[in-house]
Every structure is written in structure tokens, then in C-alpha cells.
Amino acid sequence: MDNVTHSLFALTLARTPLGRASRGATAALVLASNAPDIDIVSTATGATKYLDWHRGPTHGPLGVVGLGLLAAGLVWAVLRLAGRHERGRRSSFAALAGVSILGAFLHVVMDLPTSYGARLLSPFDWHWFTTDWMPILDIYLVVTLGAGLYFGRGSDAARRRNVVIVLLLMIANYGVRAAAHHRAVALAPRLFGPTLPKPCEGATPQRAAVARWPRDTSAILPPPGGVRCLIEIAAIPTFASPFAWRVIAQTSSSYELQDVNVLSRRFLAPAPEPEVLWRLSSRYPNQWTPAAVTAASSQVGQVFLGFSRFPSARSFGEPSGAATVQFSDVRFSGTGPLRPGSGGGVAGAAGRGRGRGSPPAPPSIFTATIRLDAHGRVIDQRLGP
């Protein structure tokens, strides 16, 4: 989630008994609720290092406890310095530590349902986890939290009443998105029709609860014999509506994408026969050539593939034998509606210049470019097209 949402949620919690746990509890909650995003300081050493550490140890168990204690210590020290002669009003470090650790923990809990995910167990386990329910910025959640704070200013009774209303609306928002997400994933066979192949051996195309990545390398490489098979189906939330989703079908050779609104009349009724929704799909090639496999072992390649949930590989050979490989994360393939039937992928668009049918290029952090010489040695590697 964005820091505005984290801050508004912390201020909402401060209107519960948590805010009365100790003098300075509100400041501790706000500070701790934003503390896990301190990993942004890693950008000082470059975008690659930021991607490597993003939502890592600061979002794991050690980070939650450590950052909670740090936030509590800062607030406690400031209060002691500011009110050192007011002995009767001294704050309790234990109480501040409790609310601060809770604030940091709830930050991670709010990050988990986003399509971005979080590395919940780092530094012990660097896998990412997500439920794919929420966008990074949920305008409905921001408005609900902001309105609750604004209209609850009048009295203690109004504050208590509005906090209850806001928390109930938050629960309802998460519940609606969870149900809509489940429905969007369930629509995948209808959306992609005959283009949806059989599952790959050992693959679980429809995850029941929490998605986890990166997968073992063998799960993203084409199976022996070149047989096309299905690896995973996912539904990514959009910013506009909790009922609008981007459904992604990852196969062994490409990604099939469609935008869907689960409340559309088309999907509230039984499927007509015949139905050709698969013609509306966009396809992103995923070509794991020998050059792509070599590029994946580079420093930037390893960092990017450790972050990317749906990496799309494209390779561009040269007469000299050199090659350029681009990896893109299909989750961030574009912010606007898909154009039916468009293809070529982000990497292809970046290499040739974007055509009218190609989706917009993603931010540079969501693309990696590795250049190899004729002997397969890395001569250039960077994030960006």
C-alpha cells in the first residue's frame, strides 16, 4: 500500500484504545506504520539494489520487531527531552513498543493482499507472497479512511462511532475484492477458451489462497519436446473498480491477458454457444532461448527474476553473434485497457519502437536488459529498456 493509506490507517487506529495506551501513542503508530518502507534508502546505491531489497527484511519478522522498537524509542526519547520536568506525564516505553510493533505488523498485513506482494519471511526466506486482492493504491480505501477521520472530529462519541464504521467498511471492501478475485480467476477457462492448454506436469494453475514466487527455474522454462502447457492463472486488481480485473494465463511459451468486469451481463448469465472471447486476448511471447537462459544468470537478471512474478523473456540476435535479452514483468505491462489481439510484448516494443497495437512500455524498474557478446559473456546489464 502507499504511505498515505498507511498513515490514514494509523491515525484511525489512534482513535481506538490503542491511541490512549501511552502518551505519544499516536505519533508512534504513524511512524511505525510507515517504517517498513525505509528500504527506499537502498535507492542511494542504485535501482538494482533497491529491487533486490524492496519489501525484504524490513517486511519480515525481524524488521517488524526491530523497526517497531526503533519507532517507540524515537518517540519515547523525544517526549522525555520535551517534557523532562513533567514526571507525571512521562510515557511508557513498553506501551509505545507494543503499539509500534503492532503498527509495523499491520503495515505488512496491508501490503500482503496487493498484487505487488511482500517477502514476509525475509531474511530467512526471500520468496514473495500475495493474495492479489488489492491494487497498490485503493482509492476507495483512502476515501473511507479520510472521511472517517474528517467526520469524526466533533466529539469522542463521533470518533468512536466513525472508527467502527470505517473498520466495517474496510472489512467489506476486502471481502468484496476477495470474492471478485475468486470469480475473475474462475472465468479464465471461459475467457481463453481453446487457447488455454492443459496444465504443465506438477503445476497448480489456480492457486487456492496465497501465491508464492519466484518458482524454481524449471517451472518457467519450456517443457521438453516443446509441448505448450499451462503454468498459472492469476487475476490482477485494477485501480478503477473492485470488479475490474486483468486475468493472466501463463503458459510455457507466452502469456495470455484479458481485462474483465465480473459484474458484466456477459458473465452473470450462462455462457452462450458458441463463445469466442479468446479472440479478445492479448499475447506476450515468452521465449527462453539459450541467450535468455545465460542472461538470467547475470547479476541484474537474478535480481529481476527474483522480483518478477510473471517474467517475459525476449531475445534479439545480431549478425555478429551478440544478443540482447530483455525481461519484463507482465503484471506491469500497461496501465490502460488492453487492445484486443495486440501482441509483441513489452520487450519487443522496446526493441523496435512502440507500434499502434502495442501496450505502453512499463516503468524502467519493471524491465531488465542484458547484452551478451558472441561468446555469451555479459557486456552490459541494467534495469530499463
Protein backbone atom coordinates (compact mmCIF):
# COMPACT_ATOMS: atom_id res chain seq x y z
CA MET A 1 0.00 0.00 0.00
CA ASP A 2 1.00 3.63 -0.43
CA ASN A 3 2.19 5.66 2.56
CA VAL A 4 -0.88 7.90 2.56
CA THR A 5 -3.07 4.86 3.20
CA HIS A 6 -0.72 3.54 5.88
CA SER A 7 -0.73 6.93 7.64
CA LEU A 8 -4.51 7.32 7.48
CA PHE A 9 -4.98 3.82 8.85
CA ALA A 10 -2.56 4.57 11.71
CA LEU A 11 -4.48 7.75 12.59
CA THR A 12 -7.70 5.72 12.55
CA LEU A 13 -6.18 3.17 14.94
CA ALA A 14 -5.10 6.05 17.17
CA ARG A 15 -8.79 6.78 17.78
CA THR A 16 -9.23 3.34 19.32
CA PRO A 17 -7.95 2.42 22.81
CA LEU A 18 -4.52 1.95 21.18
CA GLY A 19 -4.20 5.73 20.98
CA ARG A 20 -4.65 6.00 24.75
CA ALA A 21 -2.12 3.31 25.61
CA SER A 22 0.53 5.91 26.37
CA ARG A 23 1.47 9.50 25.77
CA GLY A 24 2.85 9.66 22.23
CA ALA A 25 0.97 6.56 21.05
CA THR A 26 -0.46 8.36 18.00
CA ALA A 27 2.98 9.51 16.85
CA ALA A 28 4.39 6.03 17.44
CA LEU A 29 1.61 4.41 15.43
CA VAL A 30 2.06 6.74 12.45
CA LEU A 31 5.85 6.42 12.49
CA ALA A 32 5.84 2.63 12.85
CA SER A 33 3.10 2.19 10.24
CA ASN A 34 5.42 3.75 7.66
CA ALA A 35 8.73 2.41 8.98
CA PRO A 36 8.91 -0.79 6.85
CA ASP A 37 9.17 1.38 3.73
CA ILE A 38 12.52 2.68 4.96
CA ASP A 39 14.00 0.24 2.45
CA ILE A 40 13.69 3.09 -0.06
CA VAL A 41 17.08 4.32 1.22
CA SER A 42 18.63 1.48 -0.82
CA THR A 43 17.93 3.55 -3.95
CA ALA A 44 21.03 5.54 -2.99
CA THR A 45 23.09 2.62 -4.31
CA GLY A 46 21.04 2.19 -7.49
CA ALA A 47 17.76 0.82 -8.76
CA THR A 48 19.06 -2.76 -8.90
CA LYS A 49 19.93 -2.74 -5.20
CA TYR A 50 16.52 -1.26 -4.40
CA LEU A 51 14.75 -4.03 -6.31
CA ASP A 52 16.92 -6.58 -4.53
CA TRP A 53 15.98 -5.29 -1.05
CA HIS A 54 12.47 -3.95 -1.67
CA ARG A 55 9.89 -5.30 0.79
CA GLY A 56 12.55 -7.63 2.11
CA PRO A 57 13.90 -7.75 5.68
CA THR A 58 12.03 -4.59 6.68
CA HIS A 59 8.80 -6.51 5.97
CA GLY A 60 9.93 -9.70 7.71
CA PRO A 61 9.64 -10.70 11.39
CA LEU A 62 12.96 -9.17 12.44
CA GLY A 63 12.14 -5.94 10.63
CA VAL A 64 8.68 -5.64 12.19
CA VAL A 65 10.03 -6.05 15.72
CA GLY A 66 13.20 -4.03 15.16
CA LEU A 67 11.52 -1.11 13.40
CA GLY A 68 8.72 -1.13 15.99
CA LEU A 69 11.23 -0.83 18.82
CA LEU A 70 13.12 1.87 16.91
CA ALA A 71 9.95 3.93 16.36
CA ALA A 72 8.99 3.53 20.02
CA GLY A 73 12.48 4.55 21.12
CA LEU A 74 12.47 7.69 18.98
CA VAL A 75 9.06 8.83 20.25
CA TRP A 76 9.97 7.98 23.85
CA ALA A 77 13.28 9.89 23.63
CA VAL A 78 11.64 12.97 22.09
CA LEU A 79 8.94 13.00 24.75
CA ARG A 80 11.50 12.65 27.53
CA LEU A 81 13.51 15.56 26.14
CA ALA A 82 10.46 17.73 25.57
CA GLY A 83 8.83 17.02 28.94
CA ARG A 84 11.70 16.00 31.18
CA HIS A 85 10.33 18.12 34.07
CA GLU A 86 6.79 16.75 33.75
CA ARG A 87 7.27 13.50 35.64
CA GLY A 88 3.56 12.75 35.89
CA ARG A 89 3.18 12.77 32.11
CA ARG A 90 6.08 10.54 31.15
CA SER A 91 5.28 7.95 28.54
CA SER A 92 5.65 4.20 28.95
CA PHE A 93 8.27 2.70 26.66
CA ALA A 94 6.67 -0.75 26.96
CA ALA A 95 3.29 0.62 25.83
CA LEU A 96 4.90 2.56 22.98
CA ALA A 97 6.81 -0.54 21.91
CA GLY A 98 3.61 -2.57 21.86
CA VAL A 99 1.65 -0.17 19.67
CA SER A 100 4.67 0.45 17.41
CA ILE A 101 5.29 -3.24 16.73
CA LEU A 102 1.58 -3.62 16.02
CA GLY A 103 1.72 -0.65 13.62
CA ALA A 104 4.68 -2.14 11.72
CA PHE A 105 2.99 -5.55 11.64
CA LEU A 106 -0.25 -4.10 10.22
CA HIS A 107 1.79 -2.32 7.52
CA VAL A 108 2.96 -5.74 6.31
CA VAL A 109 -0.55 -7.19 6.63
CA MET A 110 -1.86 -4.41 4.37
CA ASP A 111 0.94 -4.96 1.84
CA LEU A 112 0.31 -8.71 1.57
CA PRO A 113 -3.02 -8.56 -0.36
CA THR A 114 -1.63 -6.18 -3.00
CA SER A 115 -0.60 -7.53 -6.39
CA TYR A 116 2.94 -6.35 -5.56
CA GLY A 117 3.12 -8.67 -2.55
CA ALA A 118 5.68 -8.79 0.26
CA ARG A 119 8.57 -11.00 1.34
CA LEU A 120 7.00 -11.93 4.66
CA LEU A 121 9.71 -14.27 5.92
CA SER A 122 12.88 -12.45 4.85
CA PRO A 123 15.74 -12.63 5.62
CA PHE A 124 15.06 -16.31 6.40
CA ASP A 125 13.11 -16.92 3.18
CA TRP A 126 13.21 -14.43 0.27
CA HIS A 127 10.08 -15.64 -1.52
CA TRP A 128 7.29 -13.17 -2.26
CA PHE A 129 3.70 -13.78 -1.15
CA THR A 130 0.39 -12.20 -2.20
CA THR A 131 -3.34 -12.81 -2.42
CA ASP A 132 -3.81 -10.36 -5.36
CA TRP A 133 -6.88 -8.70 -3.83
CA MET A 134 -5.82 -5.05 -3.73
CA PRO A 135 -4.09 -2.54 -6.02
CA ILE A 136 -1.11 -0.61 -4.66
CA LEU A 137 -3.39 2.41 -4.21
CA ASP A 138 -7.05 1.74 -3.42
CA ILE A 139 -8.95 5.00 -3.86
CA TYR A 140 -11.98 3.57 -2.05
CA LEU A 141 -9.88 2.73 1.00
CA VAL A 142 -8.24 6.18 1.00
CA VAL A 143 -11.61 7.95 0.77
CA THR A 144 -13.10 5.77 3.52
CA LEU A 145 -10.21 6.40 5.91
CA GLY A 146 -10.06 10.12 5.13
CA ALA A 147 -13.82 10.59 5.52
CA GLY A 148 -13.83 8.72 8.81
CA LEU A 149 -11.14 11.00 10.24
CA TYR A 150 -12.78 14.16 8.90
CA PHE A 151 -16.33 13.47 10.10
CA GLY A 152 -15.17 12.07 13.42
CA ARG A 153 -13.61 15.31 14.66
CA GLY A 154 -16.63 16.59 16.56
CA SER A 155 -16.62 14.58 19.77
CA ASP A 156 -15.35 11.45 21.45
CA ALA A 157 -18.63 9.71 20.63
CA ALA A 158 -18.31 10.68 16.95
CA ARG A 159 -14.72 9.41 16.86
CA ARG A 160 -15.66 6.06 18.34
CA ARG A 161 -18.68 5.69 16.04
CA ASN A 162 -16.74 6.60 12.91
CA VAL A 163 -13.88 4.25 13.74
CA VAL A 164 -16.33 1.34 13.95
CA ILE A 165 -17.96 2.36 10.66
CA VAL A 166 -14.61 2.72 8.90
CA LEU A 167 -13.31 -0.64 10.10
CA LEU A 168 -16.52 -2.36 9.00
CA LEU A 169 -16.30 -0.70 5.57
CA MET A 170 -12.67 -1.81 5.27
CA ILE A 171 -13.63 -5.40 6.05
CA ALA A 172 -16.42 -5.20 3.47
CA ASN A 173 -14.02 -3.78 0.86
CA TYR A 174 -11.54 -6.60 1.38
CA GLY A 175 -14.33 -9.17 1.34
CA VAL A 176 -15.80 -7.86 -1.92
CA ARG A 177 -12.38 -7.82 -3.58
CA ALA A 178 -11.61 -11.36 -2.37
CA ALA A 179 -14.89 -12.66 -3.81
CA ALA A 180 -14.44 -10.74 -7.09
CA HIS A 181 -10.87 -12.05 -7.39
CA HIS A 182 -12.06 -15.62 -6.96
CA ARG A 183 -14.71 -15.05 -9.64
CA ALA A 184 -12.22 -13.49 -12.09
CA VAL A 185 -9.85 -16.49 -11.79
CA ALA A 186 -12.77 -18.88 -12.23
CA LEU A 187 -13.71 -17.15 -15.50
CA ALA A 188 -10.33 -17.90 -17.11
CA PRO A 189 -11.43 -21.08 -18.98
CA ARG A 190 -14.33 -19.13 -20.45
CA LEU A 191 -12.16 -16.13 -21.37
CA PHE A 192 -9.36 -18.04 -23.08
CA GLY A 193 -11.39 -20.97 -24.41
CA PRO A 194 -9.47 -23.32 -26.74
CA THR A 195 -6.25 -21.29 -26.38
CA LEU A 196 -5.92 -22.47 -22.77
CA PRO A 197 -3.69 -25.58 -22.78
CA LYS A 198 -3.60 -28.40 -20.27
CA PRO A 199 -1.64 -27.80 -17.02
CA CYS A 200 2.08 -28.49 -17.07
CA GLU A 201 3.21 -31.52 -15.14
CA GLY A 202 3.35 -30.61 -11.42
CA ALA A 203 1.82 -27.14 -11.97
CA THR A 204 -1.14 -25.76 -9.98
CA PRO A 205 -2.71 -23.23 -12.39
CA GLN A 206 -5.33 -21.93 -9.92
CA ARG A 207 -3.88 -21.15 -6.51
CA ALA A 208 -6.33 -21.55 -3.66
CA ALA A 209 -5.11 -18.85 -1.30
CA VAL A 210 -1.66 -17.25 -1.34
CA ALA A 211 0.60 -17.05 -4.39
CA ARG A 212 4.33 -17.57 -3.83
CA TRP A 213 7.28 -16.82 -6.11
CA PRO A 214 9.89 -16.94 -7.59
CA ARG A 215 9.44 -20.51 -8.74
CA ASP A 216 12.17 -22.98 -9.42
CA THR A 217 13.78 -22.25 -12.80
CA SER A 218 12.42 -25.49 -14.24
CA ALA A 219 8.88 -24.13 -13.74
CA ILE A 220 9.39 -21.24 -16.16
CA LEU A 221 11.46 -22.99 -18.84
CA PRO A 222 9.64 -24.67 -21.75
CA PRO A 223 9.00 -28.38 -21.14
CA PRO A 224 10.92 -30.99 -23.16
CA GLY A 225 9.52 -31.54 -26.63
CA GLY A 226 8.11 -28.02 -26.90
CA VAL A 227 4.62 -29.03 -25.75
CA ARG A 228 2.66 -25.92 -24.75
CA CYS A 229 1.15 -26.21 -21.26
CA LEU A 230 -0.43 -24.03 -18.56
CA ILE A 231 1.67 -22.88 -15.59
CA GLU A 232 -0.57 -20.48 -13.67
CA ILE A 233 -3.74 -18.39 -13.84
CA ALA A 234 -3.92 -15.11 -11.91
CA ALA A 235 -6.20 -12.09 -11.66
CA ILE A 236 -4.56 -8.72 -11.02
CA PRO A 237 -6.67 -5.92 -9.47
CA THR A 238 -7.14 -2.57 -11.21
CA PHE A 239 -7.36 0.93 -9.76
CA ALA A 240 -10.76 1.85 -11.13
CA SER A 241 -13.10 -0.77 -9.69
CA PRO A 242 -13.05 -3.76 -7.31
CA PHE A 243 -14.94 -5.67 -10.02
CA ALA A 244 -12.47 -4.99 -12.86
CA TRP A 245 -9.51 -7.37 -13.17
CA ARG A 246 -6.74 -8.27 -15.56
CA VAL A 247 -6.68 -12.05 -15.95
CA ILE A 248 -3.31 -13.58 -16.83
CA ALA A 249 -2.79 -17.11 -18.08
CA GLN A 250 0.88 -18.06 -18.01
CA THR A 251 1.79 -20.84 -20.43
CA SER A 252 5.15 -22.39 -21.18
CA SER A 253 5.64 -20.16 -24.24
CA SER A 254 3.60 -16.98 -23.67
CA TYR A 255 1.17 -15.01 -21.54
CA GLU A 256 -2.49 -14.57 -22.45
CA LEU A 257 -4.17 -11.47 -20.97
CA GLN A 258 -7.74 -10.20 -20.83
CA ASP A 259 -9.49 -7.40 -18.96
CA VAL A 260 -12.75 -8.47 -17.36
CA ASN A 261 -15.50 -6.94 -15.22
CA VAL A 262 -17.08 -9.72 -13.18
CA LEU A 263 -20.38 -7.80 -12.99
CA SER A 264 -20.71 -7.59 -16.76
CA ARG A 265 -24.01 -9.02 -18.04
CA ARG A 266 -22.00 -11.35 -20.21
CA PHE A 267 -20.60 -13.12 -17.14
CA LEU A 268 -23.72 -13.04 -14.97
CA ALA A 269 -25.52 -15.34 -17.40
CA PRO A 270 -24.62 -18.86 -18.58
CA ALA A 271 -22.12 -18.93 -21.43
CA PRO A 272 -23.78 -18.81 -24.85
CA GLU A 273 -22.70 -21.24 -27.53
CA PRO A 274 -20.50 -20.65 -29.33
CA GLU A 275 -18.45 -18.04 -27.44
CA VAL A 276 -15.26 -16.54 -28.88
CA LEU A 277 -13.94 -14.42 -26.02
CA TRP A 278 -10.46 -15.82 -26.63
CA ARG A 279 -10.23 -13.56 -29.69
CA LEU A 280 -10.11 -10.57 -27.31
CA SER A 281 -6.90 -11.76 -25.65
CA SER A 282 -3.56 -10.01 -25.79
CA ARG A 283 -0.49 -12.22 -26.01
CA TYR A 284 3.01 -11.60 -24.70
CA PRO A 285 5.65 -14.02 -26.05
CA ASN A 286 7.96 -15.67 -23.52
CA GLN A 287 10.95 -17.04 -25.42
CA TRP A 288 13.55 -18.77 -23.27
CA THR A 289 16.31 -19.05 -25.83
CA PRO A 290 19.85 -20.14 -24.82
CA ALA A 291 20.75 -16.43 -24.67
CA ALA A 292 17.85 -15.79 -22.27
CA VAL A 293 18.97 -18.65 -20.03
CA THR A 294 22.50 -17.21 -19.96
CA ALA A 295 21.23 -13.69 -19.26
CA ALA A 296 19.13 -15.00 -16.37
CA SER A 297 22.33 -15.90 -14.50
CA SER A 298 23.68 -12.32 -14.65
CA GLN A 299 23.50 -10.10 -11.56
CA VAL A 300 20.68 -7.92 -12.89
CA GLY A 301 18.93 -10.97 -14.32
CA GLN A 302 18.95 -12.75 -10.96
CA VAL A 303 17.68 -9.68 -9.10
CA PHE A 304 14.93 -9.03 -11.62
CA LEU A 305 13.79 -12.65 -11.82
CA GLY A 306 13.81 -12.80 -8.03
CA PHE A 307 11.34 -9.90 -8.03
CA SER A 308 9.24 -10.62 -11.12
CA ARG A 309 6.24 -12.87 -10.71
CA PHE A 310 5.48 -13.18 -14.43
CA PRO A 311 8.78 -12.67 -16.29
CA SER A 312 8.52 -12.43 -20.07
CA ALA A 313 11.76 -13.10 -21.95
CA ARG A 314 12.62 -11.76 -25.40
CA SER A 315 15.90 -12.16 -27.28
CA PHE A 316 17.29 -10.13 -30.18
CA GLY A 317 20.21 -11.64 -32.07
CA GLU A 318 22.77 -9.78 -34.19
CA PRO A 319 24.79 -10.92 -37.22
CA SER A 320 27.95 -10.71 -35.11
CA GLY A 321 26.62 -13.37 -32.75
CA ALA A 322 25.93 -10.89 -29.95
CA ALA A 323 22.45 -10.84 -28.41
CA THR A 324 20.27 -8.57 -26.31
CA VAL A 325 17.85 -10.13 -23.85
CA GLN A 326 15.01 -8.25 -22.20
CA PHE A 327 12.96 -9.46 -19.26
CA SER A 328 9.67 -7.71 -18.42
CA ASP A 329 7.16 -8.30 -15.64
CA VAL A 330 3.79 -8.85 -17.30
CA ARG A 331 1.97 -7.61 -14.16
CA PHE A 332 3.07 -4.10 -15.12
CA SER A 333 2.67 -4.39 -18.89
CA GLY A 334 0.48 -1.29 -19.10
CA THR A 335 -1.91 0.86 -17.14
CA GLY A 336 -4.66 1.27 -19.73
CA PRO A 337 -7.12 -1.21 -21.25
CA LEU A 338 -5.67 -3.95 -23.39
CA ARG A 339 -6.14 -3.74 -27.13
CA PRO A 340 -7.80 -6.96 -28.33
CA GLY A 341 -5.44 -9.10 -30.33
CA SER A 342 -2.38 -6.93 -29.70
CA GLY A 343 0.89 -8.74 -29.30
CA GLY A 344 4.63 -8.43 -29.48
CA GLY A 345 5.19 -7.80 -25.80
CA VAL A 346 6.86 -5.03 -23.92
CA ALA A 347 10.34 -6.16 -24.72
CA GLY A 348 9.59 -6.34 -28.42
CA ALA A 349 8.06 -2.87 -28.35
CA ALA A 350 11.10 -1.52 -26.57
CA GLY A 351 13.42 -3.05 -29.14
CA ARG A 352 11.53 -1.90 -32.22
CA GLY A 353 9.78 1.27 -31.08
CA ARG A 354 6.15 1.09 -29.98
CA GLY A 355 3.56 0.48 -32.64
CA ARG A 356 -0.09 1.48 -32.50
CA GLY A 357 -1.14 -2.00 -31.38
CA SER A 358 1.41 -2.37 -28.59
CA PRO A 359 0.72 -1.68 -24.91
CA PRO A 360 2.60 1.21 -23.31
CA ALA A 361 6.08 0.44 -22.01
CA PRO A 362 6.31 -0.14 -18.25
CA PRO A 363 8.42 1.88 -15.82
CA SER A 364 12.11 1.05 -16.15
CA ILE A 365 12.27 -0.83 -12.85
CA PHE A 366 9.92 -3.44 -14.35
CA THR A 367 12.19 -4.26 -17.31
CA ALA A 368 15.74 -5.62 -17.36
CA THR A 369 18.11 -5.55 -20.34
CA ILE A 370 21.19 -7.77 -20.59
CA ARG A 371 23.56 -7.68 -23.56
CA LEU A 372 25.79 -10.66 -24.39
CA ASP A 373 28.75 -10.87 -26.73
CA ALA A 374 29.21 -13.64 -29.30
CA HIS A 375 30.75 -15.89 -26.62
CA GLY A 376 27.83 -15.49 -24.22
CA ARG A 377 29.63 -13.13 -21.85
CA VAL A 378 27.71 -10.30 -20.23
CA ILE A 379 28.93 -6.96 -21.59
CA ASP A 380 26.09 -4.75 -20.34
CA GLN A 381 23.26 -5.17 -17.85
CA ARG A 382 20.78 -2.68 -16.47
CA LEU A 383 17.22 -2.13 -15.36
CA GLY A 384 15.19 -0.44 -18.07
CA PRO A 385 14.66 -0.97 -21.80
